[in-house]
Each structure stands twice: as C-alpha cells, then as structure tokens.
Amino acid sequence: MTKALDPHRVALSILSSATLEEARSKLNISRTKFWQLRQKPEIKNALNEISSHIYDESLATVMHDTTENLSILKNL
C-alpha cells in the first residue's frame, strides 16, 4: 500500500467524514478503489483501532467530568 493510502489515513478519512462519498473524495480515489480498500483487513483493523481509541478517550473525559461535577456538588 502506498504512503498516500496508509490504512490509518483511510480510516481517519472515513471516521472524519459525514458520508463515505466525502471520505472517498478526500482520498481522491475512484469508487471502485475505495470499495476495494474498505474490504481489506488492514483498513478494518485501523478503523477498529481508531474507533476504540476514540471511545476510550471519550469515556475517560466523561469519567473525569463526572467526578469533577460530583466533587462540586458535594461541596455545595
């Protein structure tokens, strides 16, 4: 896979776009090539890895904010 079509770059394009067509356009590749890329295990793995990281970061933020809000309420 060329540097321009790095699995993480493709995954980030998909996850940061409102539609798959927008993601494809960002990558500047044909619909056929985009469909083929989405079937590759390394792209699926990159999507899972990045999605998991986003989830973990979001959960950590919610937990921190909840703890902070509980502390504020306790002190009222």
Protein backbone atom coordinates (compact mmCIF):
# COMPACT_ATOMS: atom_id res chain seq x y z
CA MET A 1 0.00 0.00 0.00
CA THR A 2 1.43 3.40 -0.92
CA LYS A 3 2.04 6.11 1.63
CA ALA A 4 -0.94 8.05 0.25
CA LEU A 5 -3.20 5.09 1.04
CA ASP A 6 -1.92 4.25 4.50
CA PRO A 7 -4.60 2.25 6.40
CA HIS A 8 -4.76 4.82 9.21
CA ARG A 9 -5.16 7.66 6.71
CA VAL A 10 -8.04 5.82 5.02
CA ALA A 11 -9.64 5.04 8.40
CA LEU A 12 -9.32 8.63 9.60
CA SER A 13 -10.84 9.85 6.36
CA ILE A 14 -13.82 7.54 6.84
CA LEU A 15 -14.29 8.39 10.52
CA SER A 16 -13.96 12.15 10.00
CA SER A 17 -16.38 12.37 7.07
CA ALA A 18 -20.14 12.71 7.12
CA THR A 19 -20.51 10.25 4.24
CA LEU A 20 -18.44 7.56 2.56
CA GLU A 21 -18.54 9.62 -0.64
CA GLU A 22 -16.96 12.52 1.23
CA ALA A 23 -14.26 10.18 2.59
CA ARG A 24 -13.60 8.83 -0.90
CA SER A 25 -13.34 12.36 -2.25
CA LYS A 26 -10.83 13.33 0.47
CA LEU A 27 -8.65 10.41 -0.59
CA ASN A 28 -9.06 11.34 -4.27
CA ILE A 29 -9.61 7.76 -5.44
CA SER A 30 -12.22 6.03 -7.57
CA ARG A 31 -15.33 4.47 -6.09
CA THR A 32 -14.08 1.02 -7.08
CA LYS A 33 -10.68 1.54 -5.42
CA PHE A 34 -12.38 2.93 -2.31
CA TRP A 35 -14.71 -0.08 -2.08
CA GLN A 36 -11.73 -2.44 -2.51
CA LEU A 37 -9.79 -0.63 0.22
CA ARG A 38 -12.71 -0.88 2.65
CA GLN A 39 -12.69 -4.67 2.24
CA LYS A 40 -9.02 -5.03 3.24
CA PRO A 41 -8.34 -6.41 6.73
CA GLU A 42 -5.71 -3.75 7.46
CA ILE A 43 -8.29 -1.00 6.83
CA LYS A 44 -10.86 -2.75 9.01
CA ASN A 45 -8.22 -3.16 11.74
CA ALA A 46 -7.27 0.52 11.51
CA LEU A 47 -10.94 1.52 11.76
CA ASN A 48 -11.37 -0.68 14.85
CA GLU A 49 -8.17 0.60 16.44
CA ILE A 50 -9.02 4.27 15.91
CA SER A 51 -12.67 3.82 16.94
CA SER A 52 -11.56 2.06 20.10
CA HIS A 53 -9.12 4.86 20.89
CA ILE A 54 -11.85 7.48 20.34
CA TYR A 55 -14.19 5.52 22.62
CA ASP A 56 -11.54 5.20 25.35
CA GLU A 57 -10.72 8.91 25.20
CA SER A 58 -14.41 9.86 25.32
CA LEU A 59 -15.06 7.56 28.26
CA ALA A 60 -12.09 8.98 30.15
CA THR A 61 -13.37 12.51 29.55
CA VAL A 62 -16.88 11.64 30.75
CA MET A 63 -15.49 9.92 33.85
CA HIS A 64 -13.28 12.91 34.67
CA ASP A 65 -16.10 15.41 34.15
CA THR A 66 -18.50 13.33 36.24
CA THR A 67 -16.02 13.08 39.09
CA GLU A 68 -15.39 16.81 38.93
CA ASN A 69 -19.13 17.59 38.93
CA LEU A 70 -19.75 15.25 41.88
CA SER A 71 -16.99 16.99 43.79
CA ILE A 72 -18.58 20.38 43.11
CA LEU A 73 -22.00 19.13 44.19
CA LYS A 74 -20.53 17.63 47.35
CA ASN A 75 -19.02 20.98 48.30
CA LEU A 76 -22.29 22.88 47.84
